[in-house]
């Protein structure tokens, strides 16, 4: 209907001729998610119950006609009156509708016909009630039966086995296999959110599974709080190769239609329905062992344990990467990160082990940053690195996330700390010079007071002030000498002592080298 550009939307049904017969199709679009729902009703559905009732009425009428013929053998008039009463009973009418009163007949015959009439009416009513109750309870009983089978509860299966009609046989083939689908962790931008939308997502996965497998195998689904169990019933020759293929088809369809990844575990096939719980528990165990969860994949249960691949953790790359982060060398950090993941990817490790090694690297980087920011609130405000890491499902995305998030922001934070620390050291150095310029002051003494090495202090002073420590101290002392020469009458020798020089000769030599004149000449020129 959609491919033929038939009008969709609105409440008027459209009659279509399908392979399954004529159908009335009604469509409705969801305002919340944009889904297009279509309801297909066979064209003869509306008249099916009426046909069934008509058959019952015809059969009952035939039986009553034979009975009436027998009674008519004794009394034609009594037969006519009884037949008329039965007819009115079946039509739901009586004497209160103004019909003509029945002709009198013998009390024995009247009582007999009354019992027949009441019995027929009660039978019809009871049949309708039973059919209605069975139709309403059948889905609940079916779900209870399947859940009991998955859990190995034979007692819970008894109600279905006792009451199910022959036409509701579930599984015609000899082999059973259980797939367990679980919603992967989601981010804030995902269509479905873990917790609040999990039930809706699992319901959609169950419907997709039944639609995909409908033409291949007998398929039933059971939805629990955290996952959906898909029960596949298949011929013996299909079991081994088709179970994983079916799981992959469901995983791909969910990813394409729902835009959400799902992890599907495949249990071991079983040829006995009573062992369905074994396949189910096997699939659950495979999900539990799938840690750290890669997501968006199919895992199998019941396999023999494979020999582990021996690949040592790339500790050298980690050490070099941490050193580059500490030094703020972005280029070197990027090269070491690439070497770390290239080595893991080239070793053909399973993704779960690659993610485990990446988690170890993340822990090492976080420990480095916690030396300067214990709770990481300054480095990564409002973020949880471990939660973000858990949602990554491929090695390239993990490498990109490390580069763009962890390393870049970590280096930015450490560089900010370095700038702050250097500014603090410079402020303390400047204050130390201002306080002790009149005393014996040297680079070594200043470095000792600040708790750093003389070479590091000298490098910082050159970066920030553009001159050496001695040059800055000398310039500061000359400025103090000028102030004393202009505002006081102290002689040159006293001024030399005031600003930290031992004698006048030393002051005169340093002053003349800096200003191109002696202190006395400077005083005379300033006053003139």
Protein backbone atom coordinates (compact mmCIF):
# COMPACT_ATOMS: atom_id res chain seq x y z
CA UNK A 1 0.00 0.00 0.00
CA UNK A 2 2.84 2.38 0.91
CA UNK A 3 4.84 1.54 -2.24
CA UNK A 4 1.78 2.27 -4.36
CA UNK A 5 1.38 5.78 -2.89
CA UNK A 6 -2.02 4.87 -1.46
CA UNK A 7 -3.24 7.55 0.92
CA UNK A 8 -2.07 6.87 4.47
CA UNK A 9 -3.36 8.56 7.56
CA UNK A 10 -6.83 9.31 8.75
CA UNK A 11 -9.34 6.91 10.16
CA UNK A 12 -11.01 5.58 6.96
CA UNK A 13 -9.94 1.99 6.19
CA UNK A 14 -8.57 1.02 2.80
CA UNK A 15 -9.48 -2.33 1.28
CA UNK A 16 -6.50 -4.14 -0.27
CA UNK A 17 -6.13 -7.48 -2.01
CA UNK A 18 -3.09 -9.21 -0.43
CA UNK A 19 -1.55 -12.68 -0.70
CA UNK A 20 -3.35 -13.53 2.54
CA UNK A 21 -6.70 -12.43 1.10
CA UNK A 22 -8.70 -9.22 1.17
CA UNK A 23 -7.77 -6.93 4.08
CA UNK A 24 -9.07 -3.69 5.56
CA UNK A 25 -6.03 -1.49 6.40
CA UNK A 26 -6.17 1.43 8.84
CA UNK A 27 -3.06 3.56 9.53
CA UNK A 28 -2.18 5.97 12.32
CA UNK A 29 1.03 7.99 12.81
CA UNK A 30 2.52 8.38 16.31
CA UNK A 31 2.94 12.03 17.32
CA UNK A 32 5.65 11.15 19.86
CA UNK A 33 8.08 8.91 17.95
CA UNK A 34 6.94 9.29 14.36
CA UNK A 35 6.14 5.57 13.99
CA UNK A 36 3.52 4.64 11.40
CA UNK A 37 1.22 1.97 12.81
CA UNK A 38 -0.87 -0.16 10.45
CA UNK A 39 -3.74 -2.42 11.53
CA UNK A 40 -4.74 -5.17 9.08
CA UNK A 41 -8.12 -6.89 9.53
CA UNK A 42 -9.32 -9.69 7.22
CA UNK A 43 -12.36 -8.60 5.25
CA UNK A 44 -14.40 -11.49 6.58
CA UNK A 45 -13.52 -10.91 10.25
CA UNK A 46 -16.60 -8.80 10.94
CA UNK A 47 -18.98 -11.49 9.70
CA UNK A 48 -17.16 -14.52 11.12
CA UNK A 49 -18.93 -14.52 14.48
CA UNK A 50 -22.29 -13.93 12.81
CA UNK A 51 -21.67 -16.94 10.53
CA UNK A 52 -20.80 -19.08 13.54
CA UNK A 53 -24.00 -18.02 15.35
CA UNK A 54 -26.03 -18.71 12.21
CA UNK A 55 -24.64 -22.26 12.03
CA UNK A 56 -25.56 -22.86 15.65
CA UNK A 57 -29.09 -21.53 15.12
CA UNK A 58 -29.59 -23.70 12.02
CA UNK A 59 -28.32 -26.81 13.86
CA UNK A 60 -30.51 -26.12 16.90
CA UNK A 61 -33.51 -25.47 14.67
CA UNK A 62 -32.94 -28.77 12.86
CA UNK A 63 -32.78 -30.69 16.13
CA UNK A 64 -35.86 -28.97 17.45
CA UNK A 65 -37.68 -29.64 14.20
CA UNK A 66 -37.09 -33.38 14.56
CA UNK A 67 -38.27 -33.21 18.14
CA UNK A 68 -41.30 -31.24 17.12
CA UNK A 69 -42.18 -33.81 14.46
CA UNK A 70 -42.10 -36.47 17.13
CA UNK A 71 -44.37 -34.43 19.37
CA UNK A 72 -46.65 -33.62 16.44
CA UNK A 73 -47.32 -37.29 16.08
CA UNK A 74 -49.38 -36.97 19.24
CA UNK A 75 -50.81 -33.48 18.92
CA UNK A 76 -50.39 -31.16 15.92
CA UNK A 77 -51.83 -28.16 17.68
CA UNK A 78 -49.56 -28.64 20.68
CA UNK A 79 -46.58 -29.03 18.29
CA UNK A 80 -47.44 -25.76 16.58
CA UNK A 81 -47.76 -23.90 19.86
CA UNK A 82 -44.46 -25.31 21.18
CA UNK A 83 -42.60 -24.51 17.95
CA UNK A 84 -43.92 -20.98 18.03
CA UNK A 85 -42.75 -20.57 21.66
CA UNK A 86 -39.25 -21.86 20.80
CA UNK A 87 -39.08 -19.51 17.83
CA UNK A 88 -39.98 -16.54 20.02
CA UNK A 89 -37.42 -17.61 22.61
CA UNK A 90 -34.62 -17.78 20.03
CA UNK A 91 -35.64 -14.34 18.73
CA UNK A 92 -35.57 -12.93 22.26
CA UNK A 93 -39.23 -11.92 22.24
CA UNK A 94 -42.10 -12.92 24.45
CA UNK A 95 -45.64 -12.16 25.29
CA UNK A 96 -44.60 -8.84 26.79
CA UNK A 97 -43.97 -7.56 23.24
CA UNK A 98 -47.66 -7.74 22.52
CA UNK A 99 -47.56 -11.05 20.67
CA UNK A 100 -50.75 -13.09 20.51
CA UNK A 101 -51.14 -15.36 23.54
CA UNK A 102 -50.32 -19.06 23.01
CA UNK A 103 -53.15 -21.47 22.77
CA UNK A 104 -53.64 -23.51 25.89
CA UNK A 105 -52.27 -27.02 25.98
CA UNK A 106 -51.75 -29.69 28.56
CA UNK A 107 -49.56 -28.80 31.55
CA UNK A 108 -47.18 -31.73 31.02
CA UNK A 109 -46.38 -30.70 27.45
CA UNK A 110 -46.07 -27.04 28.48
CA UNK A 111 -43.59 -27.87 31.20
CA UNK A 112 -41.51 -30.00 28.85
CA UNK A 113 -41.29 -27.33 26.16
CA UNK A 114 -40.39 -24.73 28.78
CA UNK A 115 -37.46 -26.84 29.98
CA UNK A 116 -36.28 -27.30 26.39
CA UNK A 117 -36.48 -23.59 25.70
CA UNK A 118 -34.62 -22.64 28.88
CA UNK A 119 -31.95 -25.26 28.24
CA UNK A 120 -31.28 -24.05 24.70
CA UNK A 121 -31.03 -20.43 25.84
CA UNK A 122 -28.70 -21.34 28.73
CA UNK A 123 -26.53 -23.45 26.42
CA UNK A 124 -26.11 -20.62 23.93
CA UNK A 125 -25.25 -18.17 26.68
CA UNK A 126 -22.75 -20.55 28.32
CA UNK A 127 -21.01 -21.23 25.01
CA UNK A 128 -20.61 -17.50 24.40
CA UNK A 129 -19.25 -16.90 27.91
CA UNK A 130 -16.75 -19.77 27.68
CA UNK A 131 -15.48 -18.66 24.28
CA UNK A 132 -15.12 -15.07 25.51
CA UNK A 133 -13.25 -16.14 28.65
CA UNK A 134 -10.95 -18.44 26.69
CA UNK A 135 -10.13 -15.70 24.17
CA UNK A 136 -9.23 -13.25 26.97
CA UNK A 137 -7.21 -15.74 29.04
CA UNK A 138 -5.37 -17.45 26.21
CA UNK A 139 -2.56 -14.83 25.83
CA UNK A 140 -1.97 -14.71 29.59
CA UNK A 141 -1.96 -18.50 29.85
CA UNK A 142 0.42 -18.75 26.88
CA UNK A 143 2.88 -16.25 28.40
CA UNK A 144 2.73 -18.05 31.74
CA UNK A 145 3.40 -21.35 29.98
CA UNK A 146 6.43 -20.00 28.08
CA UNK A 147 7.89 -18.25 31.14
CA UNK A 148 7.50 -21.42 33.19
CA UNK A 149 9.27 -23.39 30.45
CA UNK A 150 12.18 -20.91 30.41
CA UNK A 151 12.52 -21.12 34.19
CA UNK A 152 12.15 -24.91 34.27
CA UNK A 153 8.91 -24.74 36.29
CA UNK A 154 6.95 -27.82 35.18
CA UNK A 155 4.14 -27.08 37.61
CA UNK A 156 3.54 -23.73 35.93
CA UNK A 157 3.22 -25.47 32.54
CA UNK A 158 0.37 -27.74 33.63
CA UNK A 159 -2.54 -25.26 33.15
CA UNK A 160 -1.71 -24.81 29.47
CA UNK A 161 -1.19 -28.53 28.88
CA UNK A 162 -4.56 -29.31 30.48
CA UNK A 163 -6.63 -26.57 28.84
CA UNK A 164 -5.04 -25.66 25.49
CA UNK A 165 -7.11 -26.53 22.42
CA UNK A 166 -5.60 -28.57 19.60
CA UNK A 167 -5.43 -25.59 17.21
CA UNK A 168 -3.07 -23.64 19.51
CA UNK A 169 -0.05 -25.95 19.14
CA UNK A 170 3.05 -23.70 19.52
CA UNK A 171 6.06 -25.67 18.28
CA UNK A 172 5.85 -28.13 15.37
CA UNK A 173 9.61 -28.80 14.94
CA UNK A 174 11.97 -30.85 17.15
CA UNK A 175 14.76 -28.35 17.98
CA UNK A 176 14.53 -25.38 20.36
CA UNK A 177 16.94 -22.50 20.94
CA UNK A 178 16.66 -19.37 23.09
CA UNK A 179 18.07 -15.95 22.17
CA UNK A 180 18.29 -13.32 24.91
CA UNK A 181 18.42 -9.67 23.78
CA UNK A 182 19.54 -6.96 26.19
CA UNK A 183 19.48 -3.17 25.65
CA UNK A 184 22.97 -1.63 25.57
CA UNK A 185 23.85 1.39 27.70
CA UNK A 186 22.64 4.68 26.20
CA UNK A 187 23.75 8.29 26.25
CA UNK A 188 21.72 11.45 26.73
CA UNK A 189 21.12 11.83 22.97
CA UNK A 190 19.79 8.29 22.46
CA UNK A 191 16.18 7.68 21.37
CA UNK A 192 15.65 5.15 24.18
CA UNK A 193 16.99 5.77 27.68
CA UNK A 194 17.97 3.00 30.06
CA UNK A 195 15.39 2.53 32.76
CA UNK A 196 12.45 4.65 31.67
CA UNK A 197 12.31 3.39 28.06
CA UNK A 198 13.67 -0.13 28.54
CA UNK A 199 10.23 -1.79 28.53
CA UNK A 200 9.19 0.01 25.34
CA UNK A 201 12.47 -0.89 23.65
CA UNK A 202 12.18 -4.59 24.59
CA UNK A 203 8.58 -4.64 23.31
CA UNK A 204 9.79 -3.27 19.96
CA UNK A 205 12.62 -5.86 19.84
CA UNK A 206 10.11 -8.66 20.49
CA UNK A 207 7.87 -7.47 17.63
CA UNK A 208 10.84 -7.13 15.26
CA UNK A 209 12.03 -10.65 16.16
CA UNK A 210 8.64 -12.20 15.47
CA UNK A 211 8.28 -10.35 12.16
CA UNK A 212 11.75 -11.38 10.96
CA UNK A 213 11.42 -15.04 11.97
CA UNK A 214 7.72 -15.50 11.12
CA UNK A 215 8.33 -17.04 7.69
CA UNK A 216 11.32 -19.14 8.83
CA UNK A 217 10.62 -20.71 12.22
CA UNK A 218 7.90 -20.94 14.83
CA UNK A 219 8.87 -18.04 17.12
CA UNK A 220 7.63 -16.96 20.52
CA UNK A 221 8.86 -14.10 22.72
CA UNK A 222 8.79 -13.45 26.47
CA UNK A 223 9.58 -9.99 27.84
CA UNK A 224 11.11 -9.62 31.30
CA UNK A 225 12.19 -6.49 33.14
CA UNK A 226 15.71 -6.31 31.63
CA UNK A 227 15.66 -8.42 28.45
CA UNK A 228 13.51 -10.25 25.91
CA UNK A 229 13.78 -14.00 25.33
CA UNK A 230 13.19 -15.18 21.74
CA UNK A 231 12.31 -18.90 21.48
CA UNK A 232 13.12 -20.38 18.07
CA UNK A 233 11.67 -23.72 16.98
CA UNK A 234 13.45 -25.16 13.96
CA UNK A 235 14.20 -28.37 12.08
CA UNK A 236 17.24 -30.36 13.16
CA UNK A 237 19.32 -29.52 10.09
CA UNK A 238 18.79 -25.76 10.56
CA UNK A 239 19.85 -25.45 14.21
CA UNK A 240 23.62 -25.10 14.11
CA UNK A 241 24.00 -22.50 11.38
CA UNK A 242 20.71 -20.62 11.61
CA UNK A 243 20.65 -19.59 15.28
CA UNK A 244 23.56 -17.15 15.01
CA UNK A 245 22.32 -15.94 11.63
CA UNK A 246 18.90 -15.26 13.13
CA UNK A 247 20.49 -13.35 16.04
CA UNK A 248 22.57 -11.26 13.62
CA UNK A 249 19.46 -10.45 11.58
CA UNK A 250 17.62 -9.26 14.69
CA UNK A 251 20.62 -7.22 15.89
CA UNK A 252 21.00 -5.50 12.51
CA UNK A 253 17.26 -4.78 12.23
CA UNK A 254 17.11 -3.28 15.73
CA UNK A 255 20.13 -1.09 15.00
CA UNK A 256 18.66 0.07 11.68
CA UNK A 257 15.03 0.67 12.70
CA UNK A 258 15.32 1.71 16.34
CA UNK A 259 18.72 3.49 16.11
CA UNK A 260 19.81 1.70 19.28
CA UNK A 261 22.36 -1.08 19.76
CA UNK A 262 21.49 -4.38 21.39
CA UNK A 263 23.53 -7.35 22.61
CA UNK A 264 22.08 -10.79 21.82
CA UNK A 265 23.22 -14.02 23.48
CA UNK A 266 22.58 -17.38 21.77
CA UNK A 267 21.91 -20.41 23.98
CA UNK A 268 22.70 -24.01 23.08
CA UNK A 269 20.05 -25.77 20.93
CA UNK A 270 17.99 -28.49 22.62
CA UNK A 271 15.88 -31.30 21.20
CA UNK A 272 13.67 -31.55 24.29
CA UNK A 273 11.19 -28.81 25.17
CA UNK A 274 11.56 -29.63 28.86
CA UNK A 275 15.23 -28.54 28.57
CA UNK A 276 14.33 -25.10 27.21
CA UNK A 277 15.48 -23.60 30.52
CA UNK A 278 19.01 -24.97 29.86
CA UNK A 279 19.27 -22.97 26.63
CA UNK A 280 17.85 -19.90 28.39
CA UNK A 281 20.28 -20.09 31.31
CA UNK A 282 23.12 -20.67 28.87
CA UNK A 283 22.27 -17.44 27.03
CA UNK A 284 22.00 -15.50 30.30
CA UNK A 285 25.40 -16.80 31.37
CA UNK A 286 26.91 -15.65 28.06
CA UNK A 287 25.53 -12.14 28.70
CA UNK A 288 27.02 -12.06 32.19
CA UNK A 289 30.44 -13.14 30.91
CA UNK A 290 30.42 -10.45 28.24
CA UNK A 291 32.30 -7.85 30.32
CA UNK A 292 33.32 -5.24 29.65
CA UNK A 293 30.29 -5.07 27.39
CA UNK A 294 31.27 -4.25 23.84
CA UNK A 295 27.63 -3.83 22.86
CA UNK A 296 25.95 -4.26 19.48
CA UNK A 297 27.17 -7.83 19.02
CA UNK A 298 26.09 -11.47 19.17
CA UNK A 299 27.67 -13.68 21.83
CA UNK A 300 27.33 -17.44 22.09
CA UNK A 301 26.95 -19.65 25.11
CA UNK A 302 27.96 -23.25 25.61
CA UNK A 303 31.23 -23.01 23.67
CA UNK A 304 34.42 -24.67 24.71
CA UNK A 305 36.85 -22.32 26.40
CA UNK A 306 39.34 -21.07 23.83
CA UNK A 307 43.02 -20.83 24.59
CA UNK A 308 43.72 -17.25 25.65
CA UNK A 309 45.80 -15.09 23.34
CA UNK A 310 48.97 -14.09 25.14
CA UNK A 311 49.65 -10.41 24.43
CA UNK A 312 51.41 -8.40 27.15
CA UNK A 313 50.05 -5.06 28.23
CA UNK A 314 51.92 -2.24 26.36
CA UNK A 315 53.42 -0.74 29.51
CA UNK A 316 56.19 1.14 27.64
CA UNK A 317 53.65 3.03 25.53
CA UNK A 318 51.70 3.85 28.67
CA UNK A 319 54.78 5.26 30.45
CA UNK A 320 55.77 7.35 27.44
CA UNK A 321 52.18 8.61 27.08
CA UNK A 322 51.99 9.64 30.75
CA UNK A 323 55.33 11.46 30.46
CA UNK A 324 54.11 13.35 27.39
CA UNK A 325 50.89 14.35 29.20
CA UNK A 326 52.87 15.55 32.23
CA UNK A 327 55.15 17.63 29.99
CA UNK A 328 52.23 19.00 27.94
CA UNK A 329 53.67 17.60 24.69
CA UNK A 330 50.56 17.05 22.57
CA UNK A 331 52.35 15.68 19.52
CA UNK A 332 54.26 13.07 21.50
CA UNK A 333 51.11 12.11 23.41
CA UNK A 334 49.21 11.55 20.15
CA UNK A 335 52.02 9.35 18.78
CA UNK A 336 52.21 7.22 21.92
CA UNK A 337 48.41 6.79 22.02
CA UNK A 338 48.37 5.61 18.39
CA UNK A 339 51.21 3.18 19.12
CA UNK A 340 49.27 1.82 22.13
CA UNK A 341 46.11 0.98 20.13
CA UNK A 342 47.93 -0.05 16.93
CA UNK A 343 49.79 -2.67 18.93
CA UNK A 344 46.58 -4.06 20.43
CA UNK A 345 44.63 -4.06 17.15
CA UNK A 346 47.49 -5.71 15.30
CA UNK A 347 47.58 -8.61 17.77
CA UNK A 348 44.07 -9.83 16.83
CA UNK A 349 42.89 -9.60 20.39
CA UNK A 350 39.16 -9.95 21.08
CA UNK A 351 37.51 -6.60 21.59
CA UNK A 352 36.66 -7.39 25.22
CA UNK A 353 40.38 -7.72 26.03
CA UNK A 354 41.25 -4.56 24.08
CA UNK A 355 38.66 -2.67 26.10
CA UNK A 356 40.09 -4.12 29.32
CA UNK A 357 43.58 -2.85 28.40
CA UNK A 358 42.09 0.53 27.46
CA UNK A 359 40.38 0.66 30.85
CA UNK A 360 43.77 0.07 32.52
CA UNK A 361 45.26 2.95 30.52
CA UNK A 362 42.34 5.18 31.56
CA UNK A 363 42.96 4.35 35.21
CA UNK A 364 46.66 5.29 34.85
CA UNK A 365 45.85 8.63 33.21
CA UNK A 366 43.24 9.44 35.85
CA UNK A 367 45.72 8.69 38.63
CA UNK A 368 48.21 11.08 37.02
CA UNK A 369 45.63 13.86 36.86
CA UNK A 370 44.43 13.17 40.40
CA UNK A 371 47.87 14.19 41.69
CA UNK A 372 46.81 17.74 40.83
CA UNK A 373 42.99 17.44 40.92
CA UNK A 374 41.93 14.67 43.35
CA UNK A 375 38.23 14.53 42.41
CA UNK A 376 38.71 15.66 38.75
CA UNK A 377 36.05 18.35 39.13
CA UNK A 378 38.41 20.96 37.69
CA UNK A 379 39.73 18.78 34.86
CA UNK A 380 36.42 17.27 33.74
CA UNK A 381 33.60 19.32 35.33
CA UNK A 382 30.23 17.59 35.32
CA UNK A 383 31.47 14.48 33.51
CA UNK A 384 32.09 10.83 34.42
CA UNK A 385 34.92 9.30 32.40
CA UNK A 386 34.09 5.74 33.44
CA UNK A 387 30.43 6.08 32.39
CA UNK A 388 31.42 7.53 29.00
CA UNK A 389 34.02 4.79 28.51
CA UNK A 390 31.46 2.04 29.18
CA UNK A 391 29.35 3.22 26.22
CA UNK A 392 32.17 2.91 23.65
CA UNK A 393 31.70 -0.09 21.36
CA UNK A 394 34.70 -0.13 19.00
CA UNK A 395 38.47 0.25 19.22
CA UNK A 396 38.67 3.31 16.88
CA UNK A 397 36.01 5.16 18.89
CA UNK A 398 37.88 4.42 22.13
CA UNK A 399 41.13 5.79 20.64
CA UNK A 400 39.38 8.94 19.38
CA UNK A 401 37.68 9.44 22.76
CA UNK A 402 41.03 9.17 24.56
CA UNK A 403 42.62 11.68 22.19
CA UNK A 404 39.83 14.28 22.12
CA UNK A 405 38.55 14.02 25.67
CA UNK A 406 41.05 12.56 28.11
CA UNK A 407 44.42 13.65 26.76
CA UNK A 408 43.48 17.05 25.33
CA UNK A 409 41.61 18.19 28.43
CA UNK A 410 44.22 16.63 30.71
CA UNK A 411 47.06 18.53 29.01
CA UNK A 412 45.03 21.74 29.03
CA UNK A 413 44.46 21.35 32.77
CA UNK A 414 48.12 20.61 33.54
CA UNK A 415 49.27 23.52 31.38
CA UNK A 416 46.88 25.78 33.26
CA UNK A 417 48.34 24.55 36.53
CA UNK A 418 51.85 25.20 35.26
CA UNK A 419 50.97 28.75 34.28
CA UNK A 420 49.35 29.33 37.65
CA UNK A 421 52.33 27.87 39.46
CA UNK A 422 54.79 29.96 37.44
CA UNK A 423 52.77 33.09 38.10
CA UNK A 424 52.76 32.26 41.80
CA UNK A 425 56.54 31.72 41.79
CA UNK A 426 57.08 35.01 40.00
CA UNK A 427 54.90 36.86 42.48
CA UNK A 428 56.77 35.34 45.40
CA UNK A 429 60.14 36.08 43.77
CA UNK A 430 59.18 39.71 43.20
CA UNK A 431 57.98 40.08 46.78
CA UNK A 432 61.20 38.47 48.08
CA UNK A 433 63.34 40.95 46.12
CA UNK A 434 61.28 43.88 47.37
CA UNK A 435 61.69 42.71 50.95
CA UNK A 436 65.40 41.77 50.87
CA UNK A 437 66.97 43.96 48.18
CA UNK A 438 68.95 45.86 50.85
CA UNK A 439 70.55 42.61 52.08
CA UNK A 440 72.86 40.08 50.58
CA UNK A 441 70.53 38.57 47.93
CA UNK A 442 71.47 35.89 45.40
CA UNK A 443 69.76 33.48 42.99
CA UNK A 444 70.62 30.54 45.22
CA UNK A 445 69.14 32.22 48.28
CA UNK A 446 65.91 33.07 46.43
CA UNK A 447 65.62 29.53 45.07
CA UNK A 448 66.09 28.10 48.55
CA UNK A 449 63.38 30.37 49.90
CA UNK A 450 60.95 29.29 47.16
CA UNK A 451 61.82 25.59 47.36
CA UNK A 452 62.90 25.18 43.73
CA UNK A 453 66.20 24.77 41.94
CA UNK A 454 68.25 27.88 40.95
CA UNK A 455 68.28 26.80 37.31
CA UNK A 456 64.47 26.43 37.18
CA UNK A 457 64.04 29.84 38.85
CA UNK A 458 66.50 31.44 36.44
CA UNK A 459 64.60 29.94 33.48
CA UNK A 460 61.24 31.20 34.78
CA UNK A 461 62.63 34.73 35.32
CA UNK A 462 63.99 34.83 31.78
CA UNK A 463 60.61 33.64 30.38
CA UNK A 464 58.52 36.15 32.37
CA UNK A 465 60.80 39.16 32.88
CA UNK A 466 63.09 38.81 29.87
CA UNK A 467 66.26 39.25 31.95
CA UNK A 468 68.42 37.51 34.52
CA UNK A 469 67.87 37.49 38.25
CA UNK A 470 70.93 39.74 38.87
CA UNK A 471 69.81 42.20 36.16
CA UNK A 472 66.33 42.49 37.71
CA UNK A 473 67.76 42.99 41.25
CA UNK A 474 70.27 45.57 39.99
CA UNK A 475 67.56 47.51 38.14
CA UNK A 476 65.37 47.46 41.24
CA UNK A 477 68.25 48.74 43.45
CA UNK A 478 69.12 51.51 40.99
CA UNK A 479 65.47 52.61 41.09
CA UNK A 480 65.64 52.78 44.88
CA UNK A 481 68.95 54.72 44.68
CA UNK A 482 67.38 57.28 42.34
CA UNK A 483 64.52 57.79 44.74
CA UNK A 484 66.93 58.39 47.63
CA UNK A 485 69.07 60.76 45.57
CA UNK A 486 66.05 62.90 44.71
CA UNK A 487 64.19 62.90 48.01
CA UNK A 488 66.93 62.78 50.66
CA UNK A 489 70.22 64.45 51.49
CA UNK A 490 72.01 61.14 52.20
CA UNK A 491 75.51 60.89 50.83
CA UNK A 492 76.50 58.25 48.28
CA UNK A 493 78.01 55.91 50.88
CA UNK A 494 74.84 55.88 53.00
CA UNK A 495 72.69 55.31 49.95
CA UNK A 496 74.91 52.38 48.94
CA UNK A 497 74.34 50.76 52.32
CA UNK A 498 70.58 51.40 52.14
CA UNK A 499 70.15 49.59 48.83
CA UNK A 500 72.44 46.61 49.57
CA UNK A 501 75.82 47.66 48.19
CA UNK A 502 78.75 47.51 50.58
CA UNK A 503 80.41 50.79 49.64
CA UNK A 504 80.05 53.93 47.51
CA UNK A 505 82.54 52.73 44.90
CA UNK A 506 80.40 49.71 44.09
CA UNK A 507 77.27 51.85 43.81
CA UNK A 508 79.00 54.44 41.60
CA UNK A 509 80.30 51.75 39.22
CA UNK A 510 76.92 49.98 38.90
CA UNK A 511 74.96 53.26 38.65
CA UNK A 512 77.22 54.69 35.93
CA UNK A 513 77.02 51.47 33.93
CA UNK A 514 73.20 51.53 34.11
CA UNK A 515 72.50 55.29 33.73
CA UNK A 516 75.61 56.60 31.95
CA UNK A 517 76.47 58.99 34.84
CA UNK A 518 77.47 58.88 38.50
CA UNK A 519 74.94 59.23 41.32
CA UNK A 520 76.26 62.74 42.12
CA UNK A 521 75.84 63.88 38.54
CA UNK A 522 72.31 62.44 38.51
CA UNK A 523 71.41 64.43 41.67
CA UNK A 524 72.82 67.70 40.29
CA UNK A 525 71.05 67.37 36.96
CA UNK A 526 67.75 66.51 38.57
CA UNK A 527 67.85 69.50 40.95
CA UNK A 528 68.99 71.98 38.29
